[in-house]
C-alpha atoms as a PDB file:
ATOM      1  CA  MET A   1      -7.906   4.092 -12.164  1.00  0.00           C
ATOM      2  CA  LYS A   2      -8.200   1.222  -9.790  1.00  0.00           C
ATOM      3  CA  HIS A   3      -9.237   1.172  -6.253  1.00  0.00           C
ATOM      4  CA  THR A   4      -8.440  -1.776  -4.222  1.00  0.00           C
ATOM      5  CA  GLN A   5      -9.042  -2.737  -0.665  1.00  0.00           C
ATOM      6  CA  LEU A   6      -6.925  -5.100   1.369  1.00  0.00           C
ATOM      7  CA  ASP A   7      -7.993  -6.036   5.320  1.00  0.00           C
ATOM      8  CA  ILE A   8      -4.503  -7.425   6.482  1.00  0.00           C
ATOM      9  CA  THR A   9      -5.630  -7.104  10.497  1.00  0.00           C
ATOM     10  CA  LYS A  10      -5.238 -10.990  10.503  1.00  0.00           C
ATOM     11  CA  GLU A  11      -1.542 -10.687   9.562  1.00  0.00           C
ATOM     12  CA  HIS A  12       1.333 -10.404  10.948  1.00  0.00           C
ATOM     13  CA  CYS A  13       5.145  -8.459  10.008  1.00  0.00           C
ATOM     14  CA  PRO A  14       6.617  -9.423   7.962  1.00  0.00           C
ATOM     15  CA  MET A  15       3.773 -10.953   5.989  1.00  0.00           C
ATOM     16  CA  THR A  16       1.620  -7.359   6.287  1.00  0.00           C
ATOM     17  CA  PHE A  17       4.103  -6.180   4.090  1.00  0.00           C
ATOM     18  CA  VAL A  18       4.559  -8.890   1.855  1.00  0.00           C
ATOM     19  CA  LYS A  19       0.812  -8.913   0.893  1.00  0.00           C
ATOM     20  CA  THR A  20       0.913  -4.563   0.696  1.00  0.00           C
ATOM     21  CA  LYS A  21       3.612  -5.346  -1.946  1.00  0.00           C
ATOM     22  CA  ILE A  22       1.940  -8.629  -3.896  1.00  0.00           C
ATOM     23  CA  ALA A  23      -1.161  -5.903  -4.101  1.00  0.00           C
ATOM     24  CA  LEU A  24       0.771  -3.041  -5.009  1.00  0.00           C
ATOM     25  CA  GLU A  25       2.802  -4.871  -8.040  1.00  0.00           C
ATOM     26  CA  SER A  26      -0.828  -6.382  -9.757  1.00  0.00           C
ATOM     27  CA  LEU A  27      -1.757  -2.294  -9.732  1.00  0.00           C
ATOM     28  CA  GLU A  28      -1.042   0.077 -12.489  1.00  0.00           C
ATOM     29  CA  PRO A  29       0.665   3.369 -11.881  1.00  0.00           C
ATOM     30  CA  GLY A  30      -1.538   5.852 -10.431  1.00  0.00           C
ATOM     31  CA  ASP A  31      -4.304   3.014  -9.271  1.00  0.00           C
ATOM     32  CA  THR A  32      -4.703   3.045  -5.220  1.00  0.00           C
ATOM     33  CA  LEU A  33      -4.593   0.574  -2.320  1.00  0.00           C
ATOM     34  CA  GLU A  34      -6.397   1.223   0.495  1.00  0.00           C
ATOM     35  CA  LEU A  35      -5.329  -0.909   3.461  1.00  0.00           C
ATOM     36  CA  LEU A  36      -6.490  -1.917   6.927  1.00  0.00           C
ATOM     37  CA  VAL A  37      -3.885  -2.699   9.557  1.00  0.00           C
ATOM     38  CA  LEU A  38      -3.479  -2.908  13.250  1.00  0.00           C
ATOM     39  CA  ALA A  39      -1.603  -0.129  14.860  1.00  0.00           C
ATOM     40  CA  GLY A  40       1.904  -1.237  15.912  1.00  0.00           C
ATOM     41  CA  GLU A  41       4.468  -2.571  13.321  1.00  0.00           C
ATOM     42  CA  PRO A  42       2.386  -2.902  10.396  1.00  0.00           C
ATOM     43  CA  LEU A  43       0.973   1.180  10.999  1.00  0.00           C
ATOM     44  CA  ASP A  44       4.763   2.172  11.561  1.00  0.00           C
ATOM     45  CA  ASN A  45       6.430  -0.120   8.689  1.00  0.00           C
ATOM     46  CA  ILE A  46       4.212   0.095   5.921  1.00  0.00           C
ATOM     47  CA  PRO A  47       3.946   3.553   5.055  1.00  0.00           C
ATOM     48  CA  ARG A  48       7.649   4.085   5.509  1.00  0.00           C
ATOM     49  CA  SER A  49       8.453   0.885   3.269  1.00  0.00           C
ATOM     50  CA  ALA A  50       5.738   1.992   0.784  1.00  0.00           C
ATOM     51  CA  GLN A  51       7.462   5.783   0.370  1.00  0.00           C
ATOM     52  CA  GLU A  52      11.224   4.019   0.423  1.00  0.00           C
ATOM     53  CA  GLU A  53       9.740   2.088  -2.632  1.00  0.00           C
ATOM     54  CA  GLY A  54       8.625   5.312  -4.358  1.00  0.00           C
ATOM     55  CA  HIS A  55       4.331   5.064  -3.893  1.00  0.00           C
ATOM     56  CA  ARG A  56       2.655   7.996  -2.612  1.00  0.00           C
ATOM     57  CA  VAL A  57       1.080   7.417   1.394  1.00  0.00           C
ATOM     58  CA  LEU A  58      -1.983   9.699   0.630  1.00  0.00           C
ATOM     59  CA  ALA A  59      -3.863   9.322   3.988  1.00  0.00           C
ATOM     60  CA  VAL A  60      -3.455   6.967   7.148  1.00  0.00           C
ATOM     61  CA  GLU A  61      -6.334   7.309   9.543  1.00  0.00           C
ATOM     62  CA  HIS A  62      -7.899   5.743  12.744  1.00  0.00           C
ATOM     63  CA  VAL A  63     -10.825   3.617  11.973  1.00  0.00           C
ATOM     64  CA  ALA A  64     -11.717   1.824  15.137  1.00  0.00           C
ATOM     65  CA  GLY A  65      -9.995   0.146  17.993  1.00  0.00           C
ATOM     66  CA  ASP A  66      -6.608  -0.620  17.168  1.00  0.00           C
ATOM     67  CA  VAL A  67      -7.297  -0.583  13.122  1.00  0.00           C
ATOM     68  CA  HIS A  68      -6.423   1.834  10.569  1.00  0.00           C
ATOM     69  CA  LYS A  69      -6.478   2.626   7.336  1.00  0.00           C
ATOM     70  CA  ILE A  70      -3.655   3.262   4.971  1.00  0.00           C
ATOM     71  CA  LEU A  71      -4.300   4.804   1.683  1.00  0.00           C
ATOM     72  CA  ILE A  72      -1.558   4.231  -1.093  1.00  0.00           C
ATOM     73  CA  GLU A  73      -1.076   5.557  -4.565  1.00  0.00           C
ATOM     74  CA  LYS A  74       0.998   3.185  -6.817  1.00  0.00           C
ATOM     75  CA  ALA A  75       4.052   5.036  -8.191  1.00  0.00           C
ATOM     76  CA  GLY A  76       5.042   4.265 -11.951  1.00  0.00           C
ATOM     77  CA  GLU A  77       7.152   5.177 -14.864  1.00  0.00           C
ATOM     78  CA  LYS A  78       5.665   6.014 -17.773  1.00  0.00           C
ATOM     79  CA  ILE A  79       6.122   3.309 -20.662  1.00  0.00           C
ATOM     80  CA  LYS A  80       8.644   4.655 -22.786  1.00  0.00           C
ATOM     81  CA  GLU A  81       7.654   3.642 -26.947  1.00  0.00           C
ATOM     82  CA  GLY A  82      10.180   1.316 -28.450  1.00  0.00           C
ATOM     83  CA  THR A  83      12.301   2.221 -31.374  1.00  0.00           C
ATOM     84  CA  GLY A  84      12.717  -0.985 -32.462  1.00  0.00           C
END
């Protein structure tokens, strides 16, 4: 499993979720993405949007000041073996 970190504290909505979505797409099911975000819209919207897309939000923690950490596990389907 892979663990990726992404600091999007300098971004604003909707780019915060766009960058989150791109990062999640580059991961394999079961991999985790750790995001650093600012309080406000990103902190409210990213966990909800990730869950709506089927991912698991493992943790939301305060880091310091307005900065929070969101830990997301990428969802995924098992690859089905083709029969031809």
